[in-house]
Protein backbone atom coordinates (compact mmCIF):
# COMPACT_ATOMS: atom_id res chain seq x y z
CA MET A 1 106.53 61.61 95.16
CA ARG A 2 103.31 62.18 97.08
CA PHE A 3 105.27 64.10 99.71
CA TRP A 4 106.59 66.60 97.13
CA ASN A 5 103.15 66.98 95.53
CA ALA A 6 101.78 68.04 98.90
CA LEU A 7 104.46 70.73 99.28
CA VAL A 8 104.02 72.35 95.86
CA PRO A 9 100.75 74.20 96.67
CA ILE A 10 102.26 75.56 99.90
CA ALA A 11 105.36 76.80 98.08
CA LEU A 12 103.24 78.61 95.50
CA LEU A 13 101.19 80.59 98.00
CA PRO A 14 102.20 84.26 97.94
CA ILE A 15 103.31 85.77 101.20
CA VAL A 16 101.37 89.00 101.52
CA THR A 17 101.98 91.67 104.06
CA ALA A 18 99.59 94.56 103.88
CA ASN A 19 101.48 97.48 105.26
CA PHE A 20 100.13 100.94 105.88
CA HIS A 21 101.72 104.36 106.35
CA LEU A 22 101.44 107.19 108.85
CA VAL A 23 101.67 110.47 106.97
CA LEU A 24 101.61 114.05 108.19
CA ILE A 25 99.64 116.48 106.02
CA TRP A 26 99.28 120.24 106.12
CA LEU A 27 98.13 123.07 103.92
CA GLU A 28 100.72 125.72 103.14
CA ALA A 29 98.21 128.53 102.80
CA TYR A 30 98.56 131.61 100.65
CA ASP A 31 96.90 133.53 103.48
CA SER A 32 97.28 131.75 106.84
CA SER A 33 94.44 133.75 108.38
CA THR A 34 91.97 132.00 106.06
CA VAL A 35 92.92 128.39 106.92
CA PRO A 36 90.26 126.62 109.03
CA SER A 37 91.66 125.02 112.19
CA ASN A 38 90.62 121.56 110.98
CA LEU A 39 93.16 121.89 108.15
CA MET A 40 96.12 122.44 110.45
CA PRO A 41 98.79 119.67 110.49
CA SER A 42 97.10 116.29 110.77
CA TRP A 43 98.05 112.62 110.83
CA VAL A 44 96.51 110.33 108.21
CA LEU A 45 96.72 106.54 107.99
CA VAL A 46 96.82 105.20 104.41
CA PRO A 47 97.47 101.78 102.84
CA SER A 48 101.01 101.41 101.53
CA ASN A 49 99.90 101.31 97.91
CA ARG A 50 98.05 104.63 98.37
CA ASP A 51 100.56 106.75 100.32
CA ARG A 52 100.51 109.68 97.93
CA CYS A 53 98.69 112.98 97.56
CA ASP A 54 95.05 112.26 96.76
CA PRO A 55 94.31 109.56 99.37
CA ALA A 56 95.87 111.72 102.09
CA THR A 57 94.65 115.21 101.10
CA LYS A 58 91.51 114.92 98.96
CA PRO A 59 88.50 115.97 101.11
CA ASP A 60 86.27 113.13 99.85
CA SER A 61 88.93 110.46 100.50
CA GLU A 62 88.00 107.93 103.19
CA PHE A 63 91.48 108.37 104.69
CA PHE A 64 91.34 112.20 104.79
CA LYS A 65 87.97 112.02 106.58
CA TRP A 66 89.63 110.15 109.47
CA ARG A 67 92.60 112.50 109.84
CA THR A 68 93.75 113.13 113.41
CA ASN A 69 95.00 116.36 114.95
CA PHE A 70 98.80 116.56 115.12
CA SER A 71 98.81 116.51 118.94
CA SER A 72 96.74 113.29 119.16
CA GLU A 73 97.46 109.61 118.57
CA PRO A 74 96.34 108.78 115.01
CA THR A 75 93.34 106.43 114.96
CA ALA A 76 91.24 105.35 111.98
CA PRO A 77 89.08 102.43 110.79
CA LEU A 78 91.71 101.40 108.28
CA CYS A 79 90.73 98.97 105.51
CA GLY A 80 87.81 97.33 107.27
CA SER A 81 89.20 97.38 110.80
CA SER A 82 87.08 99.00 113.47
CA GLY A 83 90.05 101.08 114.56
CA VAL A 84 93.83 101.12 114.26
CA THR A 85 95.87 103.42 116.50
CA VAL A 86 99.49 104.27 115.73
CA SER A 87 101.98 105.88 118.06
CA LYS A 88 102.74 109.28 116.55
CA TYR A 89 106.36 108.55 117.41
CA GLY A 90 106.31 105.40 115.26
CA ALA A 91 106.75 102.97 118.14
CA GLY A 92 104.05 100.64 116.83
CA TRP A 93 100.33 100.15 116.35
CA ASN A 94 97.40 98.36 117.96
CA ASP A 95 93.83 97.71 116.89
CA SER A 96 90.48 97.31 118.59
CA ARG A 97 90.84 93.50 118.55
CA GLY A 98 94.08 93.61 120.53
CA GLN A 99 96.44 92.95 117.63
CA THR A 100 99.72 94.87 117.60
CA GLY A 101 102.53 95.49 115.16
CA GLU A 102 105.70 97.37 114.44
CA CYS A 103 106.22 100.65 112.62
CA PHE A 104 109.45 101.77 111.01
CA PRO A 105 110.78 105.24 110.15
CA ILE A 106 111.06 106.16 106.50
CA ASN A 107 114.35 107.55 105.18
CA ASN A 108 116.16 107.17 108.52
CA GLY A 109 113.48 109.16 110.34
CA LYS A 110 113.49 112.08 107.90
CA GLY A 111 110.41 110.88 106.04
CA TYR A 112 109.58 111.28 102.39
CA PHE A 113 108.28 114.71 101.41
CA ILE A 114 105.64 115.17 98.70
CA VAL A 115 104.33 118.49 97.32
CA CYS A 116 100.81 117.80 96.15
CA GLY A 117 100.08 120.79 93.99
CA GLN A 118 98.09 123.96 94.22
CA LYS A 119 94.58 124.25 95.58
CA ASP A 120 92.42 127.35 95.86
CA THR A 121 93.78 128.27 99.28
CA GLY A 122 97.34 126.95 99.07
CA ILE A 123 99.50 123.89 98.52
CA TRP A 124 98.98 120.54 100.27
CA LEU A 125 102.15 118.95 101.63
CA VAL A 126 102.55 115.32 102.69
CA LEU A 127 105.36 113.94 104.84
CA ASP A 128 105.36 110.14 104.75
CA MET A 129 106.89 109.40 108.18
CA TYR A 130 106.43 105.70 109.07
CA TRP A 131 105.40 102.44 107.49
CA CYS A 132 103.72 99.86 109.66
CA LYS A 133 103.77 96.12 109.10
CA SER A 134 100.31 94.54 109.30
CA ASP A 135 97.71 92.24 107.79
CA TRP A 136 95.29 95.11 107.20
CA CYS A 137 94.79 96.59 103.73
CA LYS A 138 95.66 93.52 101.70
CA GLY A 139 95.65 94.46 98.07
CA ARG A 140 97.57 95.00 94.90
CA GLY A 141 100.96 96.59 95.58
CA ASP A 142 101.48 95.05 99.01
CA GLN A 143 104.04 92.27 99.04
């Protein structure tokens, strides 16, 4: 009986994976000549339970502040890390402590497209391209 009592707490522990997403954002401007160059297509890393419009496109969002130019490898201090870098081709990720992980294409590589609504200068668009398996960003919604 003691043996089974020892196993019960282990069996009840939740297995948590704290995935994050690599999304591509851009502003579909009403007048393209008025769009600042820092609002051109950018990569944004967001926790999996926050891979929607506001975390990716809202200027005061911690994730938007760390957006990366489309031609660069996306890097951000995601969820307390000092820096996570993701291959923009979804091959995987690594962090500043030497940890690595896998990333997987969403919707067979087509991504998931989100129209975020009108702003003063245009409409923000989000293309959720990859999800990455990791221990970063543990929180509600990640299982």
